Amino acid sequence: MPIFEYSCRDCGKAFEELVLGQEEDVACPHCGSAKTEKLMSCCRSKVGGGHDAEASIGSAAPAPSGGGCSGCSGGSCSSCH
């Protein structure tokens, strides 16, 4: 049972909805409008290297080296945020 992201064409708000089966008509929880469209979601995955950082497909470049917290030296680990 996947969770999809939607945008309401009437009020402009974005929201997530758990979609059961082939259900396509999703009403906006903010205004109740049925004029919604499914958004393209970003994929997230764990990256190798023995650390626990997460990367997003199509995300911005990682932070430059040396700007990290005391727990790392790369500046792009999830514990720095």
Protein backbone atom coordinates (compact mmCIF):
# COMPACT_ATOMS: atom_id res chain seq x y z
CA MET A 1 0.00 0.00 0.00
CA PRO A 2 2.00 2.96 -1.26
CA ILE A 3 1.79 6.53 -0.06
CA PHE A 4 1.55 9.03 -2.92
CA GLU A 5 2.06 12.78 -2.98
CA TYR A 6 -0.70 14.94 -4.44
CA SER A 7 -1.33 18.61 -5.14
CA CYS A 8 -4.74 20.28 -5.08
CA ARG A 9 -5.50 22.43 -8.14
CA ASP A 10 -8.08 24.47 -6.21
CA CYS A 11 -6.25 25.45 -3.01
CA GLY A 12 -2.65 24.69 -4.12
CA LYS A 13 -1.75 22.63 -1.06
CA ALA A 14 0.38 19.48 -1.32
CA PHE A 15 -0.47 16.39 0.72
CA GLU A 16 0.27 12.67 1.02
CA GLU A 17 -2.34 9.93 0.77
CA LEU A 18 -2.25 6.18 1.40
CA VAL A 19 -3.81 4.69 -1.74
CA LEU A 20 -5.51 1.31 -1.49
CA GLY A 21 -5.64 -0.75 -4.68
CA GLN A 22 -6.30 1.13 -7.92
CA GLU A 23 -8.01 4.08 -6.21
CA GLU A 24 -7.22 7.16 -8.33
CA ASP A 25 -9.77 9.77 -7.19
CA VAL A 26 -8.27 11.40 -4.11
CA ALA A 27 -9.95 14.39 -2.46
CA CYS A 28 -7.91 17.20 -0.91
CA PRO A 29 -7.96 16.94 2.91
CA HIS A 30 -7.67 20.75 3.20
CA CYS A 31 -10.55 21.95 0.99
CA GLY A 32 -12.31 18.72 -0.08
CA SER A 33 -11.81 19.33 -3.79
CA ALA A 34 -11.54 16.34 -6.12
CA LYS A 35 -9.32 18.36 -8.49
CA THR A 36 -6.04 16.80 -7.40
CA GLU A 37 -3.04 15.56 -9.31
CA LYS A 38 -0.46 12.96 -8.38
CA LEU A 39 3.05 14.41 -8.01
CA MET A 40 6.36 12.81 -8.92
CA SER A 41 8.01 11.67 -5.70
CA CYS A 42 11.75 11.69 -5.04
CA CYS A 43 13.40 8.36 -4.35
CA ARG A 44 15.66 8.00 -1.33
CA SER A 45 18.22 5.29 -0.81
CA LYS A 46 21.09 4.43 1.47
CA VAL A 47 24.54 4.95 -0.01
CA GLY A 48 27.55 2.70 0.56
CA GLY A 49 30.85 3.55 2.19
CA GLY A 50 30.17 2.17 5.66
CA HIS A 51 28.36 5.25 6.93
CA ASP A 52 24.68 5.93 7.45
CA ALA A 53 24.21 8.89 5.08
CA GLU A 54 21.15 9.13 2.87
CA ALA A 55 21.12 10.48 -0.67
CA SER A 56 18.22 11.66 -2.76
CA ILE A 57 18.18 10.94 -6.48
CA GLY A 58 18.50 14.25 -8.30
CA SER A 59 19.39 16.18 -5.16
CA ALA A 60 21.86 19.03 -4.94
CA ALA A 61 25.58 18.38 -4.68
CA PRO A 62 26.89 17.38 -1.24
CA ALA A 63 28.25 20.01 1.11
CA PRO A 64 31.95 20.81 0.73
CA SER A 65 34.49 18.99 2.89
CA GLY A 66 35.64 20.43 6.16
CA GLY A 67 32.30 21.98 7.08
CA GLY A 68 31.06 19.06 9.14
CA CYS A 69 30.25 18.66 12.79
CA SER A 70 32.59 17.17 15.35
CA GLY A 71 31.28 13.69 14.50
CA CYS A 72 32.42 13.68 10.88
CA SER A 73 34.71 15.44 8.46
CA GLY A 74 32.60 15.44 5.28
CA GLY A 75 29.89 17.88 6.27
CA SER A 76 27.14 15.91 4.57
CA CYS A 77 26.22 13.24 7.10
CA SER A 78 22.65 13.05 8.34
CA SER A 79 23.71 13.70 11.96
CA CYS A 80 24.94 17.21 11.01
CA HIS A 81 21.46 18.40 10.04
